[in-house]
Amino acid sequence: MVNPAPHTRFLTVPRHRSLKQLSPWQRLCNKLIGRVRSAVERTFSILKRRYGFSRMRYRGLKANAFHLDLAVIAHNLRTAAALAR
């Protein structure tokens, strides 16, 4: 696989395979990255399930970007209201 950004590195560590155990360093990396990954993946799953972003609704990038902005604003307001309780 070709790295699209040659000056960066991939931040994913391989998963445990049945024949190969992860090294302690790889386990630590997965644990640290997993905390951030879970928050990001949770947000995307909410956008897909609750706000219908599994498919795009409009034609054109501008209209879909506007729709995404509105959905993200709604998600942020809902999250802020839940934290304020």
PDB file of N, CA and C in Angstrom:
ATOM      1  N   MET A   1       0.846  -1.179   0.000  1.00  0.00           N
ATOM      2  CA  MET A   1       0.000   0.000   0.000  1.00  0.00           C
ATOM      3  C   MET A   1       0.884   1.232   0.000  1.00  0.00           C
ATOM      4  N   VAL A   2       0.572   2.179  -0.849  1.00  0.00           N
ATOM      5  CA  VAL A   2       1.355   3.396  -0.972  1.00  0.00           C
ATOM      6  C   VAL A   2       0.839   4.414   0.028  1.00  0.00           C
ATOM      7  N   ASN A   3       1.748   5.036   0.745  1.00  0.00           N
ATOM      8  CA  ASN A   3       1.380   6.063   1.709  1.00  0.00           C
ATOM      9  C   ASN A   3       1.078   7.352   0.948  1.00  0.00           C
ATOM     10  N   PRO A   4      -0.160   7.906   1.057  1.00  0.00           N
ATOM     11  CA  PRO A   4      -0.490   9.110   0.310  1.00  0.00           C
ATOM     12  C   PRO A   4       0.253  10.346   0.811  1.00  0.00           C
ATOM     13  N   ALA A   5       0.667  10.347   2.041  1.00  0.00           N
ATOM     14  CA  ALA A   5       1.439  11.452   2.603  1.00  0.00           C
ATOM     15  C   ALA A   5       2.790  10.878   3.028  1.00  0.00           C
ATOM     16  N   PRO A   6       3.827  11.024   2.206  1.00  0.00           N
ATOM     17  CA  PRO A   6       5.085  10.316   2.468  1.00  0.00           C
ATOM     18  C   PRO A   6       5.808  10.764   3.734  1.00  0.00           C
ATOM     19  N   HIS A   7       5.521  11.946   4.255  1.00  0.00           N
ATOM     20  CA  HIS A   7       6.231  12.420   5.442  1.00  0.00           C
ATOM     21  C   HIS A   7       5.508  12.083   6.733  1.00  0.00           C
ATOM     22  N   THR A   8       4.428  11.339   6.631  1.00  0.00           N
ATOM     23  CA  THR A   8       3.713  10.897   7.825  1.00  0.00           C
ATOM     24  C   THR A   8       3.876   9.398   7.948  1.00  0.00           C
ATOM     25  N   ARG A   9       3.395   8.875   9.058  1.00  0.00           N
ATOM     26  CA  ARG A   9       3.449   7.434   9.235  1.00  0.00           C
ATOM     27  C   ARG A   9       2.077   6.954   9.653  1.00  0.00           C
ATOM     28  N   PHE A  10       1.805   5.710   9.402  1.00  0.00           N
ATOM     29  CA  PHE A  10       0.519   5.150   9.778  1.00  0.00           C
ATOM     30  C   PHE A  10       0.487   4.978  11.297  1.00  0.00           C
ATOM     31  N   LEU A  11      -0.633   5.354  11.904  1.00  0.00           N
ATOM     32  CA  LEU A  11      -0.748   5.295  13.355  1.00  0.00           C
ATOM     33  C   LEU A  11      -1.480   4.054  13.832  1.00  0.00           C
ATOM     34  N   THR A  12      -1.799   3.174  12.929  1.00  0.00           N
ATOM     35  CA  THR A  12      -2.481   1.964  13.354  1.00  0.00           C
ATOM     36  C   THR A  12      -1.467   0.864  13.590  1.00  0.00           C
ATOM     37  N   VAL A  13      -1.702   0.118  14.622  1.00  0.00           N
ATOM     38  CA  VAL A  13      -0.844  -1.003  14.969  1.00  0.00           C
ATOM     39  C   VAL A  13      -1.600  -2.261  14.584  1.00  0.00           C
ATOM     40  N   PRO A  14      -0.928  -3.264  14.059  1.00  0.00           N
ATOM     41  CA  PRO A  14      -1.634  -4.475  13.640  1.00  0.00           C
ATOM     42  C   PRO A  14      -2.397  -5.127  14.776  1.00  0.00           C
ATOM     43  N   ARG A  15      -3.515  -5.751  14.402  1.00  0.00           N
ATOM     44  CA  ARG A  15      -4.308  -6.471  15.396  1.00  0.00           C
ATOM     45  C   ARG A  15      -3.651  -7.799  15.716  1.00  0.00           C
ATOM     46  N   HIS A  16      -4.103  -8.375  16.806  1.00  0.00           N
ATOM     47  CA  HIS A  16      -3.627  -9.692  17.212  1.00  0.00           C
ATOM     48  C   HIS A  16      -4.149 -10.731  16.229  1.00  0.00           C
ATOM     49  N   ARG A  17      -3.283 -11.521  15.716  1.00  0.00           N
ATOM     50  CA  ARG A  17      -3.663 -12.642  14.848  1.00  0.00           C
ATOM     51  C   ARG A  17      -3.556 -13.922  15.669  1.00  0.00           C
ATOM     52  N   SER A  18      -4.187 -14.944  15.216  1.00  0.00           N
ATOM     53  CA  SER A  18      -4.231 -16.169  16.011  1.00  0.00           C
ATOM     54  C   SER A  18      -2.846 -16.787  16.212  1.00  0.00           C
ATOM     55  N   LEU A  19      -1.938 -16.578  15.272  1.00  0.00           N
ATOM     56  CA  LEU A  19      -0.619 -17.193  15.393  1.00  0.00           C
ATOM     57  C   LEU A  19       0.453 -16.231  15.897  1.00  0.00           C
ATOM     58  N   LYS A  20       0.133 -14.949  15.976  1.00  0.00           N
ATOM     59  CA  LYS A  20       1.166 -13.971  16.306  1.00  0.00           C
ATOM     60  C   LYS A  20       0.678 -13.065  17.436  1.00  0.00           C
ATOM     61  N   GLN A  21       1.386 -13.034  18.528  1.00  0.00           N
ATOM     62  CA  GLN A  21       1.037 -12.172  19.649  1.00  0.00           C
ATOM     63  C   GLN A  21       1.621 -10.781  19.414  1.00  0.00           C
ATOM     64  N   LEU A  22       0.937  -9.764  19.932  1.00  0.00           N
ATOM     65  CA  LEU A  22       1.452  -8.404  19.821  1.00  0.00           C
ATOM     66  C   LEU A  22       2.546  -8.190  20.853  1.00  0.00           C
ATOM     67  N   SER A  23       3.493  -7.353  20.495  1.00  0.00           N
ATOM     68  CA  SER A  23       4.553  -7.014  21.439  1.00  0.00           C
ATOM     69  C   SER A  23       3.982  -6.063  22.495  1.00  0.00           C
ATOM     70  N   PRO A  24       4.644  -5.902  23.625  1.00  0.00           N
ATOM     71  CA  PRO A  24       4.160  -4.958  24.643  1.00  0.00           C
ATOM     72  C   PRO A  24       4.051  -3.532  24.119  1.00  0.00           C
ATOM     73  N   TRP A  25       4.970  -3.130  23.239  1.00  0.00           N
ATOM     74  CA  TRP A  25       4.915  -1.785  22.669  1.00  0.00           C
ATOM     75  C   TRP A  25       3.665  -1.630  21.801  1.00  0.00           C
ATOM     76  N   GLN A  26       3.343  -2.652  21.005  1.00  0.00           N
ATOM     77  CA  GLN A  26       2.161  -2.591  20.156  1.00  0.00           C
ATOM     78  C   GLN A  26       0.880  -2.577  20.980  1.00  0.00           C
ATOM     79  N   ARG A  27       0.856  -3.328  22.081  1.00  0.00           N
ATOM     80  CA  ARG A  27      -0.312  -3.304  22.963  1.00  0.00           C
ATOM     81  C   ARG A  27      -0.511  -1.930  23.577  1.00  0.00           C
ATOM     82  N   LEU A  28       0.591  -1.292  23.996  1.00  0.00           N
ATOM     83  CA  LEU A  28       0.504   0.051  24.571  1.00  0.00           C
ATOM     84  C   LEU A  28       0.008   1.054  23.539  1.00  0.00           C
ATOM     85  N   CYS A  29       0.533   0.973  22.312  1.00  0.00           N
ATOM     86  CA  CYS A  29       0.083   1.882  21.248  1.00  0.00           C
ATOM     87  C   CYS A  29      -1.400   1.696  20.966  1.00  0.00           C
ATOM     88  N   ASN A  30      -1.844   0.461  20.872  1.00  0.00           N
ATOM     89  CA  ASN A  30      -3.269   0.203  20.629  1.00  0.00           C
ATOM     90  C   ASN A  30      -4.133   0.749  21.754  1.00  0.00           C
ATOM     91  N   LYS A  31      -3.665   0.638  22.970  1.00  0.00           N
ATOM     92  CA  LYS A  31      -4.434   1.133  24.112  1.00  0.00           C
ATOM     93  C   LYS A  31      -4.539   2.658  24.092  1.00  0.00           C
ATOM     94  N   LEU A  32      -3.431   3.336  23.778  1.00  0.00           N
ATOM     95  CA  LEU A  32      -3.440   4.792  23.741  1.00  0.00           C
ATOM     96  C   LEU A  32      -4.234   5.333  22.558  1.00  0.00           C
ATOM     97  N   ILE A  33      -4.066   4.728  21.393  1.00  0.00           N
ATOM     98  CA  ILE A  33      -4.781   5.176  20.211  1.00  0.00           C
ATOM     99  C   ILE A  33      -6.263   4.830  20.332  1.00  0.00           C
ATOM    100  N   GLY A  34      -6.568   3.736  20.997  1.00  0.00           N
ATOM    101  CA  GLY A  34      -7.949   3.294  21.130  1.00  0.00           C
ATOM    102  C   GLY A  34      -8.828   4.280  21.864  1.00  0.00           C
ATOM    103  N   ARG A  35      -8.280   5.007  22.795  1.00  0.00           N
ATOM    104  CA  ARG A  35      -9.076   6.002  23.526  1.00  0.00           C
ATOM    105  C   ARG A  35      -9.552   7.103  22.597  1.00  0.00           C
ATOM    106  N   VAL A  36      -8.656   7.601  21.771  1.00  0.00           N
ATOM    107  CA  VAL A  36      -9.025   8.649  20.819  1.00  0.00           C
ATOM    108  C   VAL A  36      -9.922   8.075  19.731  1.00  0.00           C
ATOM    109  N   ARG A  37      -9.566   6.902  19.251  1.00  0.00           N
ATOM    110  CA  ARG A  37     -10.329   6.283  18.171  1.00  0.00           C
ATOM    111  C   ARG A  37     -11.767   6.031  18.588  1.00  0.00           C
ATOM    112  N   SER A  38     -11.992   5.616  19.826  1.00  0.00           N
ATOM    113  CA  SER A  38     -13.359   5.312  20.258  1.00  0.00           C
ATOM    114  C   SER A  38     -14.228   6.567  20.262  1.00  0.00           C
ATOM    115  N   ALA A  39     -13.667   7.706  20.678  1.00  0.00           N
ATOM    116  CA  ALA A  39     -14.438   8.945  20.682  1.00  0.00           C
ATOM    117  C   ALA A  39     -14.780   9.385  19.265  1.00  0.00           C
ATOM    118  N   VAL A  40     -13.826   9.270  18.374  1.00  0.00           N
ATOM    119  CA  VAL A  40     -14.060   9.679  16.991  1.00  0.00           C
ATOM    120  C   VAL A  40     -15.051   8.747  16.315  1.00  0.00           C
ATOM    121  N   GLU A  41     -14.880   7.451  16.489  1.00  0.00           N
ATOM    122  CA  GLU A  41     -15.777   6.485  15.863  1.00  0.00           C
ATOM    123  C   GLU A  41     -17.190   6.606  16.418  1.00  0.00           C
ATOM    124  N   ARG A  42     -17.330   6.928  17.690  1.00  0.00           N
ATOM    125  CA  ARG A  42     -18.653   7.111  18.280  1.00  0.00           C
ATOM    126  C   ARG A  42     -19.375   8.284  17.616  1.00  0.00           C
ATOM    127  N   THR A  43     -18.644   9.375  17.386  1.00  0.00           N
ATOM    128  CA  THR A  43     -19.246  10.540  16.737  1.00  0.00           C
ATOM    129  C   THR A  43     -19.703  10.210  15.327  1.00  0.00           C
ATOM    130  N   PHE A  44     -18.864   9.492  14.580  1.00  0.00           N
ATOM    131  CA  PHE A  44     -19.250   9.133  13.221  1.00  0.00           C
ATOM    132  C   PHE A  44     -20.434   8.169  13.215  1.00  0.00           C
ATOM    133  N   SER A  45     -20.492   7.261  14.160  1.00  0.00           N
ATOM    134  CA  SER A  45     -21.630   6.337  14.195  1.00  0.00           C
ATOM    135  C   SER A  45     -22.924   7.071  14.518  1.00  0.00           C
ATOM    136  N   ILE A  46     -22.867   8.069  15.386  1.00  0.00           N
ATOM    137  CA  ILE A  46     -24.059   8.867  15.694  1.00  0.00           C
ATOM    138  C   ILE A  46     -24.506   9.646  14.470  1.00  0.00           C
ATOM    139  N   LEU A  47     -23.528  10.240  13.760  1.00  0.00           N
ATOM    140  CA  LEU A  47     -23.890  10.971  12.548  1.00  0.00           C
ATOM    141  C   LEU A  47     -24.523  10.050  11.514  1.00  0.00           C
ATOM    142  N   LYS A  48     -24.040   8.828  11.421  1.00  0.00           N
ATOM    143  CA  LYS A  48     -24.587   7.910  10.438  1.00  0.00           C
ATOM    144  C   LYS A  48     -25.961   7.393  10.848  1.00  0.00           C
ATOM    145  N   ARG A  49     -26.123   7.019  12.105  1.00  0.00           N
ATOM    146  CA  ARG A  49     -27.392   6.428  12.539  1.00  0.00           C
ATOM    147  C   ARG A  49     -28.467   7.477  12.779  1.00  0.00           C
ATOM    148  N   ARG A  50     -28.162   8.486  13.576  1.00  0.00           N
ATOM    149  CA  ARG A  50     -29.181   9.438  14.006  1.00  0.00           C
ATOM    150  C   ARG A  50     -29.496  10.482  12.938  1.00  0.00           C
ATOM    151  N   TYR A  51     -28.473  10.912  12.187  1.00  0.00           N
ATOM    152  CA  TYR A  51     -28.678  11.994  11.234  1.00  0.00           C
ATOM    153  C   TYR A  51     -28.644  11.530   9.783  1.00  0.00           C
ATOM    154  N   GLY A  52     -28.588  10.236   9.548  1.00  0.00           N
ATOM    155  CA  GLY A  52     -28.744   9.694   8.211  1.00  0.00           C
ATOM    156  C   GLY A  52     -27.589   9.946   7.261  1.00  0.00           C
ATOM    157  N   PHE A  53     -26.362   9.891   7.739  1.00  0.00           N
ATOM    158  CA  PHE A  53     -25.227  10.146   6.872  1.00  0.00           C
ATOM    159  C   PHE A  53     -24.564   8.879   6.348  1.00  0.00           C
ATOM    160  N   SER A  54     -25.328   7.805   6.256  1.00  0.00           N
ATOM    161  CA  SER A  54     -24.747   6.624   5.632  1.00  0.00           C
ATOM    162  C   SER A  54     -24.699   6.810   4.117  1.00  0.00           C
ATOM    163  N   ARG A  55     -25.581   7.668   3.595  1.00  0.00           N
ATOM    164  CA  ARG A  55     -25.549   8.065   2.183  1.00  0.00           C
ATOM    165  C   ARG A  55     -25.763   9.562   2.102  1.00  0.00           C
ATOM    166  N   MET A  56     -25.276  10.153   1.043  1.00  0.00           N
ATOM    167  CA  MET A  56     -25.456  11.590   0.853  1.00  0.00           C
ATOM    168  C   MET A  56     -26.833  11.855   0.263  1.00  0.00           C
ATOM    169  N   ARG A  57     -27.427  12.944   0.655  1.00  0.00           N
ATOM    170  CA  ARG A  57     -28.783  13.253   0.246  1.00  0.00           C
ATOM    171  C   ARG A  57     -28.838  14.143  -0.987  1.00  0.00           C
ATOM    172  N   TYR A  58     -27.907  15.036  -1.125  1.00  0.00           N
ATOM    173  CA  TYR A  58     -27.969  16.037  -2.183  1.00  0.00           C
ATOM    174  C   TYR A  58     -26.899  15.780  -3.233  1.00  0.00           C
ATOM    175  N   ARG A  59     -27.070  16.403  -4.393  1.00  0.00           N
ATOM    176  CA  ARG A  59     -26.042  16.363  -5.426  1.00  0.00           C
ATOM    177  C   ARG A  59     -25.136  17.559  -5.231  1.00  0.00           C
ATOM    178  N   GLY A  60     -23.867  17.336  -5.340  1.00  0.00           N
ATOM    179  CA  GLY A  60     -22.921  18.438  -5.242  1.00  0.00           C
ATOM    180  C   GLY A  60     -22.283  18.521  -3.871  1.00  0.00           C
ATOM    181  N   LEU A  61     -21.051  18.946  -3.889  1.00  0.00           N
ATOM    182  CA  LEU A  61     -20.275  19.027  -2.657  1.00  0.00           C
ATOM    183  C   LEU A  61     -20.771  20.128  -1.732  1.00  0.00           C
ATOM    184  N   LYS A  62     -21.180  21.259  -2.298  1.00  0.00           N
ATOM    185  CA  LYS A  62     -21.576  22.412  -1.487  1.00  0.00           C
ATOM    186  C   LYS A  62     -22.825  22.109  -0.643  1.00  0.00           C
ATOM    187  N   ALA A  63     -23.814  21.498  -1.255  1.00  0.00           N
ATOM    188  CA  ALA A  63     -25.054  21.189  -0.533  1.00  0.00           C
ATOM    189  C   ALA A  63     -24.815  20.131   0.537  1.00  0.00           C
ATOM    190  N   ASN A  64     -24.026  19.116   0.213  1.00  0.00           N
ATOM    191  CA  ASN A  64     -23.745  18.076   1.201  1.00  0.00           C
ATOM    192  C   ASN A  64     -22.877  18.604   2.337  1.00  0.00           C
ATOM    193  N   ALA A  65     -21.953  19.511   2.039  1.00  0.00           N
ATOM    194  CA  ALA A  65     -21.138  20.111   3.096  1.00  0.00           C
ATOM    195  C   ALA A  65     -22.013  20.934   4.037  1.00  0.00           C
ATOM    196  N   PHE A  66     -22.976  21.663   3.482  1.00  0.00           N
ATOM    197  CA  PHE A  66     -23.888  22.443   4.311  1.00  0.00           C
ATOM    198  C   PHE A  66     -24.735  21.532   5.190  1.00  0.00           C
ATOM    199  N   HIS A  67     -25.223  20.426   4.624  1.00  0.00           N
ATOM    200  CA  HIS A  67     -26.017  19.472   5.388  1.00  0.00           C
ATOM    201  C   HIS A  67     -25.182  18.846   6.511  1.00  0.00           C
ATOM    202  N   LEU A  68     -23.934  18.531   6.218  1.00  0.00           N
ATOM    203  CA  LEU A  68     -23.043  17.984   7.241  1.00  0.00           C
ATOM    204  C   LEU A  68     -22.799  19.012   8.341  1.00  0.00           C
ATOM    205  N   ASP A  69     -22.601  20.276   7.965  1.00  0.00           N
ATOM    206  CA  ASP A  69     -22.405  21.326   8.978  1.00  0.00           C
ATOM    207  C   ASP A  69     -23.609  21.418   9.917  1.00  0.00           C
ATOM    208  N   LEU A  70     -24.805  21.365   9.362  1.00  0.00           N
ATOM    209  CA  LEU A  70     -26.008  21.420  10.198  1.00  0.00           C
ATOM    210  C   LEU A  70     -26.110  20.215  11.121  1.00  0.00           C
ATOM    211  N   ALA A  71     -25.767  19.045  10.622  1.00  0.00           N
ATOM    212  CA  ALA A  71     -25.825  17.842  11.448  1.00  0.00           C
ATOM    213  C   ALA A  71     -24.797  17.892  12.574  1.00  0.00           C
ATOM    214  N   VAL A  72     -23.605  18.400  12.270  1.00  0.00           N
ATOM    215  CA  VAL A  72     -22.574  18.506  13.305  1.00  0.00           C
ATOM    216  C   VAL A  72     -22.968  19.533  14.356  1.00  0.00           C
ATOM    217  N   ILE A  73     -23.577  20.640  13.929  1.00  0.00           N
ATOM    218  CA  ILE A  73     -24.061  21.635  14.895  1.00  0.00           C
ATOM    219  C   ILE A  73     -25.134  21.024  15.795  1.00  0.00           C
ATOM    220  N   ALA A  74     -26.057  20.265  15.202  1.00  0.00           N
ATOM    221  CA  ALA A  74     -27.104  19.610  15.999  1.00  0.00           C
ATOM    222  C   ALA A  74     -26.496  18.617  16.981  1.00  0.00           C
ATOM    223  N   HIS A  75     -25.493  17.869  16.535  1.00  0.00           N
ATOM    224  CA  HIS A  75     -24.828  16.910  17.424  1.00  0.00           C
ATOM    225  C   HIS A  75     -24.124  17.628  18.575  1.00  0.00           C
ATOM    226  N   ASN A  76     -23.443  18.725  18.267  1.00  0.00           N
ATOM    227  CA  ASN A  76     -22.748  19.475  19.317  1.00  0.00           C
ATOM    228  C   ASN A  76     -23.729  20.080  20.314  1.00  0.00           C
ATOM    229  N   LEU A  77     -24.852  20.597  19.841  1.00  0.00           N
ATOM    230  CA  LEU A  77     -25.866  21.146  20.755  1.00  0.00           C
ATOM    231  C   LEU A  77     -26.454  20.054  21.640  1.00  0.00           C
ATOM    232  N   ARG A  78     -26.701  18.908  21.055  1.00  0.00           N
ATOM    233  CA  ARG A  78     -27.247  17.797  21.844  1.00  0.00           C
ATOM    234  C   ARG A  78     -26.247  17.325  22.890  1.00  0.00           C
ATOM    235  N   THR A  79     -24.967  17.264  22.516  1.00  0.00           N
ATOM    236  CA  THR A  79     -23.924  16.859  23.463  1.00  0.00           C
ATOM    237  C   THR A  79     -23.768  17.884  24.577  1.00  0.00           C
ATOM    238  N   ALA A  80     -23.803  19.173  24.221  1.00  0.00           N
ATOM    239  CA  ALA A  80     -23.685  20.233  25.234  1.00  0.00           C
ATOM    240  C   ALA A  80     -24.864  20.204  26.201  1.00  0.00           C
ATOM    241  N   ALA A  81     -26.065  19.950  25.690  1.00  0.00           N
ATOM    242  CA  ALA A  81     -27.232  19.874  26.558  1.00  0.00           C
ATOM    243  C   ALA A  81     -27.137  18.680  27.508  1.00  0.00           C
ATOM    244  N   ALA A  82     -26.611  17.589  27.024  1.00  0.00           N
ATOM    245  CA  ALA A  82     -26.452  16.406  27.891  1.00  0.00           C
ATOM    246  C   ALA A  82     -25.405  16.650  28.967  1.00  0.00           C
ATOM    247  N   LEU A  83     -24.353  17.383  28.627  1.00  0.00           N
ATOM    248  CA  LEU A  83     -23.321  17.679  29.620  1.00  0.00           C
ATOM    249  C   LEU A  83     -23.790  18.711  30.644  1.00  0.00           C
ATOM    250  N   ALA A  84     -24.721  19.580  30.258  1.00  0.00           N
ATOM    251  CA  ALA A  84     -25.214  20.615  31.157  1.00  0.00           C
ATOM    252  C   ALA A  84     -26.158  20.061  32.204  1.00  0.00           C
ATOM    253  N   ARG A  85     -26.731  18.889  31.956  1.00  0.00           N
ATOM    254  CA  ARG A  85     -27.665  18.312  32.928  1.00  0.00           C
ATOM    255  C   ARG A  85     -26.975  17.891  34.179  1.00  0.00           C
TER     256      ARG A  85
END
